[in-house]
PDB file of all heavy atoms in Angstrom:
ATOM      1  N   ALA A   1      -0.802-150.636-108.364  1.00  0.00           N
ATOM      2  CA  ALA A   1      -0.733-150.099-107.007  1.00  0.00           C
ATOM      3  C   ALA A   1       0.774-149.948-106.581  1.00  0.00           C
ATOM      4  O   ALA A   1       1.119-148.958-105.943  1.00  0.00           O
ATOM      5  CB  ALA A   1      -1.464-151.074-106.063  1.00  0.00           C
ATOM      6  N   ALA A   2       1.572-150.889-106.993  1.00  0.00           N
ATOM      7  CA  ALA A   2       3.046-150.810-106.671  1.00  0.00           C
ATOM      8  C   ALA A   2       3.679-149.528-107.335  1.00  0.00           C
ATOM      9  O   ALA A   2       4.471-148.909-106.764  1.00  0.00           O
ATOM     10  CB  ALA A   2       3.728-152.051-107.163  1.00  0.00           C
ATOM     11  N   GLU A   3       3.159-149.224-108.559  1.00  0.00           N
ATOM     12  CA  GLU A   3       3.683-147.959-109.210  1.00  0.00           C
ATOM     13  C   GLU A   3       3.273-146.712-108.464  1.00  0.00           C
ATOM     14  O   GLU A   3       4.001-145.730-108.346  1.00  0.00           O
ATOM     15  CB  GLU A   3       3.143-147.951-110.610  1.00  0.00           C
ATOM     16  CG  GLU A   3       3.766-149.008-111.514  1.00  0.00           C
ATOM     17  CD  GLU A   3       3.128-149.090-112.894  1.00  0.00           C
ATOM     18  OE1 GLU A   3       2.090-148.457-113.108  1.00  0.00           O
ATOM     19  OE2 GLU A   3       3.606-149.979-113.678  1.00  0.00           O
ATOM     20  N   LEU A   4       2.056-146.746-107.834  1.00  0.00           N
ATOM     21  CA  LEU A   4       1.656-145.627-107.004  1.00  0.00           C
ATOM     22  C   LEU A   4       2.552-145.513-105.744  1.00  0.00           C
ATOM     23  O   LEU A   4       2.832-144.435-105.271  1.00  0.00           O
ATOM     24  CB  LEU A   4       0.197-145.795-106.641  1.00  0.00           C
ATOM     25  CG  LEU A   4      -0.798-145.534-107.681  1.00  0.00           C
ATOM     26  CD1 LEU A   4      -2.235-145.844-107.256  1.00  0.00           C
ATOM     27  CD2 LEU A   4      -0.797-144.084-108.198  1.00  0.00           C
ATOM     28  N   CYS A   5       2.889-146.657-105.216  1.00  0.00           N
ATOM     29  CA  CYS A   5       3.824-146.677-104.002  1.00  0.00           C
ATOM     30  C   CYS A   5       5.126-145.966-104.413  1.00  0.00           C
ATOM     31  O   CYS A   5       5.648-145.138-103.669  1.00  0.00           O
ATOM     32  CB  CYS A   5       4.113-148.069-103.561  1.00  0.00           C
ATOM     33  SG  CYS A   5       2.649-148.874-102.737  1.00  0.00           S
ATOM     34  N   GLU A   6       5.652-146.226-105.583  1.00  0.00           N
ATOM     35  CA  GLU A   6       6.892-145.634-106.035  1.00  0.00           C
ATOM     36  C   GLU A   6       6.666-144.135-106.242  1.00  0.00           C
ATOM     37  O   GLU A   6       7.531-143.344-105.816  1.00  0.00           O
ATOM     38  CB  GLU A   6       7.300-146.268-107.356  1.00  0.00           C
ATOM     39  CG  GLU A   6       8.694-145.774-107.817  1.00  0.00           C
ATOM     40  CD  GLU A   6       9.166-146.412-109.115  1.00  0.00           C
ATOM     41  OE1 GLU A   6       8.444-147.355-109.553  1.00  0.00           O
ATOM     42  OE2 GLU A   6      10.263-146.123-109.573  1.00  0.00           O
ATOM     43  N   LYS A   7       5.581-143.746-106.788  1.00  0.00           N
ATOM     44  CA  LYS A   7       5.220-142.368-107.035  1.00  0.00           C
ATOM     45  C   LYS A   7       5.266-141.544-105.679  1.00  0.00           C
ATOM     46  O   LYS A   7       5.721-140.419-105.667  1.00  0.00           O
ATOM     47  CB  LYS A   7       3.942-142.254-107.684  1.00  0.00           C
ATOM     48  CG  LYS A   7       3.351-140.798-107.809  1.00  0.00           C
ATOM     49  CD  LYS A   7       1.961-140.866-108.408  1.00  0.00           C
ATOM     50  CE  LYS A   7       1.366-139.368-108.411  1.00  0.00           C
ATOM     51  NZ  LYS A   7      -0.031-139.418-108.951  1.00  0.00           N
ATOM     52  N   HIS A   8       4.804-142.191-104.629  1.00  0.00           N
ATOM     53  CA  HIS A   8       4.680-141.488-103.349  1.00  0.00           C
ATOM     54  C   HIS A   8       5.785-141.886-102.326  1.00  0.00           C
ATOM     55  O   HIS A   8       5.677-141.521-101.144  1.00  0.00           O
ATOM     56  CB  HIS A   8       3.302-141.782-102.739  1.00  0.00           C
ATOM     57  CG  HIS A   8       2.135-141.187-103.516  1.00  0.00           C
ATOM     58  ND1 HIS A   8       1.808-139.837-103.359  1.00  0.00           N
ATOM     59  CD2 HIS A   8       1.286-141.678-104.380  1.00  0.00           C
ATOM     60  CE1 HIS A   8       0.760-139.545-104.128  1.00  0.00           C
ATOM     61  NE2 HIS A   8       0.428-140.678-104.731  1.00  0.00           N
ATOM     62  N   GLY A   9       6.813-142.473-102.854  1.00  0.00           N
ATOM     63  CA  GLY A   9       8.003-142.789-102.004  1.00  0.00           C
ATOM     64  C   GLY A   9       7.807-143.836-100.925  1.00  0.00           C
ATOM     65  O   GLY A   9       8.406-143.725 -99.911  1.00  0.00           O
ATOM     66  N   ARG A  10       6.863-144.746-101.158  1.00  0.00           N
ATOM     67  CA  ARG A  10       6.554-145.769-100.218  1.00  0.00           C
ATOM     68  C   ARG A  10       7.021-147.088-100.810  1.00  0.00           C
ATOM     69  O   ARG A  10       6.551-147.545-101.780  1.00  0.00           O
ATOM     70  CB  ARG A  10       5.048-145.860 -99.970  1.00  0.00           C
ATOM     71  CG  ARG A  10       4.327-144.648 -99.504  1.00  0.00           C
ATOM     72  CD  ARG A  10       4.037-144.501 -98.019  1.00  0.00           C
ATOM     73  NE  ARG A  10       3.740-145.640 -97.271  1.00  0.00           N
ATOM     74  CZ  ARG A  10       2.529-146.075 -96.985  1.00  0.00           C
ATOM     75  NH1 ARG A  10       1.443-145.495 -97.428  1.00  0.00           N
ATOM     76  NH2 ARG A  10       2.392-147.095 -96.118  1.00  0.00           N
ATOM     77  N   PRO A  11       7.878-147.789-100.068  1.00  0.00           N
ATOM     78  CA  PRO A  11       8.329-149.109-100.536  1.00  0.00           C
ATOM     79  C   PRO A  11       7.124-150.099-100.365  1.00  0.00           C
ATOM     80  O   PRO A  11       6.288-150.013 -99.439  1.00  0.00           O
ATOM     81  CB  PRO A  11       9.432-149.488 -99.627  1.00  0.00           C
ATOM     82  CG  PRO A  11       9.280-148.641 -98.392  1.00  0.00           C
ATOM     83  CD  PRO A  11       8.598-147.364 -98.862  1.00  0.00           C
ATOM     84  N   VAL A  12       6.987-151.006-101.304  1.00  0.00           N
ATOM     85  CA  VAL A  12       5.969-152.049-101.138  1.00  0.00           C
ATOM     86  C   VAL A  12       6.468-153.067-100.061  1.00  0.00           C
ATOM     87  O   VAL A  12       7.546-153.596-100.108  1.00  0.00           O
ATOM     88  CB  VAL A  12       5.788-152.844-102.502  1.00  0.00           C
ATOM     89  CG1 VAL A  12       4.869-153.973-102.374  1.00  0.00           C
ATOM     90  CG2 VAL A  12       5.300-151.818-103.590  1.00  0.00           C
ATOM     91  N   ALA A  13       5.542-153.405 -99.118  1.00  0.00           N
ATOM     92  CA  ALA A  13       5.945-154.171 -98.019  1.00  0.00           C
ATOM     93  C   ALA A  13       6.168-155.619 -98.530  1.00  0.00           C
ATOM     94  O   ALA A  13       5.301-156.190 -99.242  1.00  0.00           O
ATOM     95  CB  ALA A  13       4.926-154.192 -96.916  1.00  0.00           C
ATOM     96  N   THR A  14       7.227-156.296 -98.045  1.00  0.00           N
ATOM     97  CA  THR A  14       7.387-157.670 -98.339  1.00  0.00           C
ATOM     98  C   THR A  14       6.452-158.444 -97.388  1.00  0.00           C
ATOM     99  O   THR A  14       5.875-157.903 -96.377  1.00  0.00           O
ATOM    100  CB  THR A  14       8.823-158.094 -98.012  1.00  0.00           C
ATOM    101  OG1 THR A  14       9.066-157.973 -96.568  1.00  0.00           O
ATOM    102  CG2 THR A  14       9.831-157.233 -98.775  1.00  0.00           C
ATOM    103  N   TRP A  15       6.303-159.780 -97.611  1.00  0.00           N
ATOM    104  CA  TRP A  15       5.449-160.498 -96.733  1.00  0.00           C
ATOM    105  C   TRP A  15       5.928-160.536 -95.356  1.00  0.00           C
ATOM    106  O   TRP A  15       5.184-160.528 -94.402  1.00  0.00           O
ATOM    107  CB  TRP A  15       5.173-161.928 -97.354  1.00  0.00           C
ATOM    108  CG  TRP A  15       6.424-162.885 -97.392  1.00  0.00           C
ATOM    109  CD1 TRP A  15       7.200-163.049 -98.505  1.00  0.00           C
ATOM    110  CD2 TRP A  15       6.972-163.650 -96.387  1.00  0.00           C
ATOM    111  NE1 TRP A  15       8.237-163.979 -98.233  1.00  0.00           N
ATOM    112  CE2 TRP A  15       8.094-164.337 -96.892  1.00  0.00           C
ATOM    113  CE3 TRP A  15       6.685-163.832 -95.026  1.00  0.00           C
ATOM    114  CZ2 TRP A  15       8.832-165.203 -96.116  1.00  0.00           C
ATOM    115  CZ3 TRP A  15       7.396-164.705 -94.260  1.00  0.00           C
ATOM    116  CH2 TRP A  15       8.604-165.379 -94.795  1.00  0.00           C
ATOM    117  N   ARG A  16       7.280-160.575 -95.208  1.00  0.00           N
ATOM    118  CA  ARG A  16       7.822-160.561 -93.863  1.00  0.00           C
ATOM    119  C   ARG A  16       7.525-159.219 -93.131  1.00  0.00           C
ATOM    120  O   ARG A  16       7.166-159.198 -91.940  1.00  0.00           O
ATOM    121  CB  ARG A  16       9.413-160.752 -93.881  1.00  0.00           C
ATOM    122  CG  ARG A  16       9.797-162.166 -94.120  1.00  0.00           C
ATOM    123  CD  ARG A  16      11.294-162.375 -93.913  1.00  0.00           C
ATOM    124  NE  ARG A  16      11.642-163.728 -93.970  1.00  0.00           N
ATOM    125  CZ  ARG A  16      12.039-164.409 -95.080  1.00  0.00           C
ATOM    126  NH1 ARG A  16      12.034-163.734 -96.230  1.00  0.00           N
ATOM    127  NH2 ARG A  16      12.326-165.644 -95.087  1.00  0.00           N
ATOM    128  N   GLN A  17       7.690-158.117 -93.838  1.00  0.00           N
ATOM    129  CA  GLN A  17       7.397-156.845 -93.248  1.00  0.00           C
ATOM    130  C   GLN A  17       5.870-156.764 -92.993  1.00  0.00           C
ATOM    131  O   GLN A  17       5.448-156.198 -91.901  1.00  0.00           O
ATOM    132  CB  GLN A  17       7.761-155.695 -94.217  1.00  0.00           C
ATOM    133  CG  GLN A  17       9.252-155.488 -94.348  1.00  0.00           C
ATOM    134  CD  GLN A  17       9.604-154.531 -95.472  1.00  0.00           C
ATOM    135  OE1 GLN A  17       9.009-154.488 -96.517  1.00  0.00           O
ATOM    136  NE2 GLN A  17      10.588-153.623 -95.184  1.00  0.00           N
ATOM    137  N   ALA A  18       5.053-157.244 -93.803  1.00  0.00           N
ATOM    138  CA  ALA A  18       3.620-157.230 -93.574  1.00  0.00           C
ATOM    139  C   ALA A  18       3.244-157.980 -92.366  1.00  0.00           C
ATOM    140  O   ALA A  18       2.383-157.536 -91.558  1.00  0.00           O
ATOM    141  CB  ALA A  18       2.850-157.716 -94.799  1.00  0.00           C
ATOM    142  N   ARG A  19       3.799-159.206 -92.189  1.00  0.00           N
ATOM    143  CA  ARG A  19       3.553-159.997 -90.988  1.00  0.00           C
ATOM    144  C   ARG A  19       3.928-159.184 -89.688  1.00  0.00           C
ATOM    145  O   ARG A  19       3.206-159.186 -88.666  1.00  0.00           O
ATOM    146  CB  ARG A  19       4.202-161.319 -91.093  1.00  0.00           C
ATOM    147  CG  ARG A  19       3.570-162.256 -92.005  1.00  0.00           C
ATOM    148  CD  ARG A  19       4.237-163.627 -92.096  1.00  0.00           C
ATOM    149  NE  ARG A  19       3.462-164.526 -92.960  1.00  0.00           N
ATOM    150  CZ  ARG A  19       2.461-165.293 -92.608  1.00  0.00           C
ATOM    151  NH1 ARG A  19       2.084-165.246 -91.333  1.00  0.00           N
ATOM    152  NH2 ARG A  19       1.739-165.962 -93.499  1.00  0.00           N
ATOM    153  N   GLN A  20       5.055-158.546 -89.772  1.00  0.00           N
ATOM    154  CA  GLN A  20       5.547-157.807 -88.631  1.00  0.00           C
ATOM    155  C   GLN A  20       4.688-156.636 -88.309  1.00  0.00           C
ATOM    156  O   GLN A  20       4.310-156.380 -87.182  1.00  0.00           O
ATOM    157  CB  GLN A  20       7.003-157.322 -88.835  1.00  0.00           C
ATOM    158  CG  GLN A  20       7.568-156.610 -87.670  1.00  0.00           C
ATOM    159  CD  GLN A  20       9.045-156.221 -87.889  1.00  0.00           C
ATOM    160  OE1 GLN A  20       9.466-156.019 -89.095  1.00  0.00           O
ATOM    161  NE2 GLN A  20       9.792-156.067 -86.815  1.00  0.00           N
ATOM    162  N   ILE A  21       4.273-155.845 -89.362  1.00  0.00           N
ATOM    163  CA  ILE A  21       3.333-154.689 -89.202  1.00  0.00           C
ATOM    164  C   ILE A  21       2.039-155.090 -88.586  1.00  0.00           C
ATOM    165  O   ILE A  21       1.505-154.398 -87.704  1.00  0.00           O
ATOM    166  CB  ILE A  21       3.179-153.936 -90.563  1.00  0.00           C
ATOM    167  CG1 ILE A  21       4.489-153.342 -91.064  1.00  0.00           C
ATOM    168  CG2 ILE A  21       2.035-152.997 -90.447  1.00  0.00           C
ATOM    169  CD1 ILE A  21       4.428-152.893 -92.465  1.00  0.00           C
ATOM    170  N   LEU A  22       1.543-156.233 -89.018  1.00  0.00           N
ATOM    171  CA  LEU A  22       0.232-156.694 -88.544  1.00  0.00           C
ATOM    172  C   LEU A  22       0.225-157.559 -87.323  1.00  0.00           C
ATOM    173  O   LEU A  22      -0.808-157.974 -86.739  1.00  0.00           O
ATOM    174  CB  LEU A  22      -0.515-157.410 -89.663  1.00  0.00           C
ATOM    175  CG  LEU A  22      -0.840-156.572 -90.966  1.00  0.00           C
ATOM    176  CD1 LEU A  22      -1.365-157.391 -92.063  1.00  0.00           C
ATOM    177  CD2 LEU A  22      -1.794-155.473 -90.633  1.00  0.00           C
ATOM    178  N   GLY A  23       1.447-157.819 -86.835  1.00  0.00           N
ATOM    179  CA  GLY A  23       1.590-158.741 -85.588  1.00  0.00           C
ATOM    180  C   GLY A  23       1.199-160.150 -85.834  1.00  0.00           C
ATOM    181  O   GLY A  23       0.681-160.780 -84.883  1.00  0.00           O
ATOM    182  N   LEU A  24       1.424-160.642 -86.979  1.00  0.00           N
ATOM    183  CA  LEU A  24       1.120-162.038 -87.331  1.00  0.00           C
ATOM    184  C   LEU A  24       2.295-162.971 -87.026  1.00  0.00           C
ATOM    185  O   LEU A  24       3.398-162.587 -87.030  1.00  0.00           O
ATOM    186  CB  LEU A  24       0.706-162.194 -88.788  1.00  0.00           C
ATOM    187  CG  LEU A  24      -0.497-161.366 -89.207  1.00  0.00           C
ATOM    188  CD1 LEU A  24      -0.687-161.508 -90.769  1.00  0.00           C
ATOM    189  CD2 LEU A  24      -1.803-161.795 -88.478  1.00  0.00           C
ATOM    190  N   ARG A  25       1.898-164.238 -86.784  1.00  0.00           N
ATOM    191  CA  ARG A  25       2.963-165.270 -86.610  1.00  0.00           C
ATOM    192  C   ARG A  25       3.899-165.393 -87.785  1.00  0.00           C
ATOM    193  O   ARG A  25       3.421-165.261 -88.911  1.00  0.00           O
ATOM    194  CB  ARG A  25       2.340-166.583 -86.241  1.00  0.00           C
ATOM    195  CG  ARG A  25       1.325-167.109 -87.274  1.00  0.00           C
ATOM    196  CD  ARG A  25       0.659-168.378 -86.813  1.00  0.00           C
ATOM    197  NE  ARG A  25      -0.366-168.817 -87.751  1.00  0.00           N
ATOM    198  CZ  ARG A  25      -1.672-168.495 -87.698  1.00  0.00           C
ATOM    199  NH1 ARG A  25      -2.057-167.769 -86.718  1.00  0.00           N
ATOM    200  NH2 ARG A  25      -2.532-168.960 -88.518  1.00  0.00           N
ATOM    201  N   ASP A  26       5.094-165.492 -87.535  1.00  0.00           N
ATOM    202  CA  ASP A  26       6.125-165.737 -88.542  1.00  0.00           C
ATOM    203  C   ASP A  26       5.988-167.151 -89.124  1.00  0.00           C
ATOM    204  O   ASP A  26       5.485-168.068 -88.475  1.00  0.00           O
ATOM    205  CB  ASP A  26       7.553-165.448 -88.048  1.00  0.00           C
ATOM    206  CG  ASP A  26       8.487-165.106 -89.209  1.00  0.00           C
ATOM    207  OD1 ASP A  26       8.035-165.068 -90.367  1.00  0.00           O
ATOM    208  OD2 ASP A  26       9.672-164.938 -88.858  1.00  0.00           O
TER     209      ASP A  26
END
C-alpha cells in the first residue's frame, strides 16, 4: 500500500499526522 502511495504522490501519514487528521487525542 505504501508503494501505491508513492506511485500516486501521496505521503504515508505518520501516526502523529493520522491522529491530527482524525481529531484524536495526542
